Amino acid sequence: MTYTHANGHYLLRLMPGEELAATLEQFCKGHDITGGFISGLGATNEVELAHFNVHTKQYSKRVFTGEYEVANLAGNISVEKIHLHMTIGDNTFQTFSGHCMRCVADPTLEIMITPFAETHRASDEYSGLQLLDLGK
């Protein structure tokens, strides 16, 4: 991974074979980023997306292998975790989207991180998820 820092933002470029979540976690830890927003695009040859069912409180998952464009990557950063969603497209222009469980860059993912104040998560009774705690 390479990166630059300007105007309060970080711009990262992942190399072929780098795993997105692990790279972001390591980067944020190394730069003391405990709150922020992530956006990006690129391409992948291996991605696992998930859909959360709020009623069953379970994820359904699907693995995609082959050449996919990452049309959109969006997420947020908290002390507890990095939360990512992604839209990918194939060579027929069909798209798939969901919670990004795993993604391998191929040939690259280009990501912007906008840091902000330390952010935490708290348990949400309705969904069972750990949602951003914005100080109610």
Protein backbone atom coordinates (compact mmCIF):
# COMPACT_ATOMS: atom_id res chain seq x y z
CA MET A 1 0.00 0.00 0.00
CA THR A 2 1.07 3.53 -0.67
CA TYR A 3 -0.53 6.69 0.68
CA THR A 4 -0.39 10.45 0.85
CA HIS A 5 -1.82 12.93 3.36
CA ALA A 6 -3.15 16.39 2.48
CA ASN A 7 -5.81 18.79 3.72
CA GLY A 8 -6.75 16.47 6.58
CA HIS A 9 -7.47 13.49 4.29
CA TYR A 10 -5.52 10.33 3.52
CA LEU A 11 -5.45 8.87 0.03
CA LEU A 12 -4.44 5.18 -0.10
CA ARG A 13 -3.67 2.89 -3.00
CA LEU A 14 -3.72 -0.84 -2.29
CA MET A 15 -1.52 -3.18 -4.30
CA PRO A 16 -2.58 -6.43 -6.00
CA GLY A 17 -3.34 -9.13 -3.43
CA GLU A 18 -3.78 -6.80 -0.45
CA GLU A 19 -6.85 -7.50 1.66
CA LEU A 20 -8.95 -4.39 2.21
CA ALA A 21 -10.13 -4.68 5.83
CA ALA A 22 -6.79 -5.87 7.22
CA THR A 23 -4.92 -3.10 5.39
CA LEU A 24 -7.36 -0.43 6.60
CA GLU A 25 -7.25 -1.69 10.19
CA GLN A 26 -3.45 -1.63 10.21
CA PHE A 27 -3.35 1.82 8.61
CA CYS A 28 -5.88 3.34 11.02
CA LYS A 29 -4.10 1.85 14.03
CA GLY A 30 -0.74 3.13 12.80
CA HIS A 31 -2.11 6.64 12.22
CA ASP A 32 -4.27 6.79 15.36
CA ILE A 33 -7.49 7.16 13.35
CA THR A 34 -10.36 6.29 15.72
CA GLY A 35 -13.22 7.90 13.81
CA GLY A 36 -13.75 8.68 10.17
CA PHE A 37 -15.39 8.07 6.85
CA ILE A 38 -14.10 5.91 3.97
CA SER A 39 -14.87 6.16 0.26
CA GLY A 40 -13.23 4.42 -2.64
CA LEU A 41 -13.24 2.54 -5.91
CA GLY A 42 -11.06 0.12 -7.85
CA ALA A 43 -11.16 -3.53 -8.79
CA THR A 44 -11.08 -6.93 -7.15
CA ASN A 45 -10.80 -10.59 -8.03
CA GLU A 46 -12.18 -11.90 -4.74
CA VAL A 47 -14.88 -10.37 -2.58
CA GLU A 48 -17.40 -11.60 -0.02
CA LEU A 49 -20.56 -9.54 0.40
CA ALA A 50 -23.26 -10.01 3.01
CA HIS A 51 -26.83 -8.93 3.62
CA PHE A 52 -28.13 -8.50 7.18
CA ASN A 53 -31.70 -9.62 7.95
CA VAL A 54 -32.88 -7.42 10.81
CA HIS A 55 -35.62 -9.93 11.77
CA THR A 56 -33.44 -13.05 12.01
CA LYS A 57 -30.35 -11.06 13.04
CA GLN A 58 -28.32 -13.18 10.61
CA TYR A 59 -26.13 -12.42 7.59
CA SER A 60 -26.51 -14.22 4.29
CA LYS A 61 -23.18 -14.24 2.43
CA ARG A 62 -21.97 -14.67 -1.13
CA VAL A 63 -18.41 -14.96 -2.47
CA PHE A 64 -17.56 -13.49 -5.89
CA THR A 65 -14.39 -14.48 -7.76
CA GLY A 66 -13.19 -13.22 -11.12
CA GLU A 67 -12.85 -9.71 -12.48
CA TYR A 68 -15.09 -7.14 -10.76
CA GLU A 69 -15.02 -3.36 -10.77
CA VAL A 70 -15.51 -1.80 -7.36
CA ALA A 71 -17.98 0.89 -8.37
CA ASN A 72 -18.40 2.18 -4.83
CA LEU A 73 -16.84 1.59 -1.44
CA ALA A 74 -18.27 3.43 1.56
CA GLY A 75 -17.72 2.96 5.24
CA ASN A 76 -17.05 4.41 8.63
CA ILE A 77 -14.39 4.01 11.28
CA SER A 78 -14.91 3.67 15.00
CA VAL A 79 -12.69 2.56 17.86
CA GLU A 80 -14.39 -0.85 17.79
CA LYS A 81 -14.31 -1.61 14.05
CA ILE A 82 -14.27 -0.51 10.45
CA HIS A 83 -17.67 -0.96 8.78
CA LEU A 84 -17.68 -1.26 4.96
CA HIS A 85 -20.30 -1.54 2.22
CA MET A 86 -19.46 -2.13 -1.42
CA THR A 87 -20.99 -2.24 -4.89
CA ILE A 88 -19.22 -4.39 -7.49
CA GLY A 89 -19.95 -4.84 -11.18
CA ASP A 90 -19.12 -7.60 -13.65
CA ASN A 91 -18.37 -7.51 -17.39
CA THR A 92 -22.09 -7.67 -18.22
CA PHE A 93 -22.64 -4.49 -16.16
CA GLN A 94 -24.59 -6.42 -13.53
CA THR A 95 -24.00 -5.09 -10.03
CA PHE A 96 -24.03 -6.63 -6.58
CA SER A 97 -23.84 -4.82 -3.28
CA GLY A 98 -23.81 -5.37 0.44
CA HIS A 99 -21.74 -5.39 3.59
CA CYS A 100 -18.11 -6.06 2.62
CA MET A 101 -16.87 -9.02 4.63
CA ARG A 102 -13.66 -9.47 2.62
CA CYS A 103 -12.12 -7.95 -0.50
CA VAL A 104 -8.78 -8.50 -2.24
CA ALA A 105 -7.40 -5.70 -4.43
CA ASP A 106 -6.70 -6.61 -8.07
CA PRO A 107 -5.13 -4.59 -9.51
CA THR A 108 -5.89 -1.86 -6.95
CA LEU A 109 -8.30 -0.17 -4.60
CA GLU A 110 -8.05 3.62 -4.25
CA ILE A 111 -9.43 4.88 -0.97
CA MET A 112 -9.92 8.21 0.74
CA ILE A 113 -10.12 8.39 4.53
CA THR A 114 -11.59 11.49 6.14
CA PRO A 115 -10.69 11.32 9.85
CA PHE A 116 -12.83 12.91 12.53
CA ALA A 117 -13.18 12.76 16.31
CA GLU A 118 -12.93 9.45 18.17
CA THR A 119 -16.13 7.52 17.58
CA HIS A 120 -17.59 4.53 19.44
CA ARG A 121 -20.32 1.98 18.84
CA ALA A 122 -23.12 0.83 21.11
CA SER A 123 -25.51 -2.09 21.01
CA ASP A 124 -28.82 -1.34 19.31
CA GLU A 125 -31.70 -3.27 20.87
CA TYR A 126 -33.90 -3.27 17.75
CA SER A 127 -31.34 -4.57 15.25
CA GLY A 128 -28.86 -6.32 17.52
CA LEU A 129 -26.08 -4.48 15.71
CA GLN A 130 -23.29 -2.31 17.07
CA LEU A 131 -24.27 1.13 15.69
CA LEU A 132 -22.46 4.44 15.93
CA ASP A 133 -22.96 6.01 19.36
CA LEU A 134 -23.33 9.71 18.66
CA GLY A 135 -24.00 10.80 22.22
CA LYS A 136 -27.81 10.68 22.10
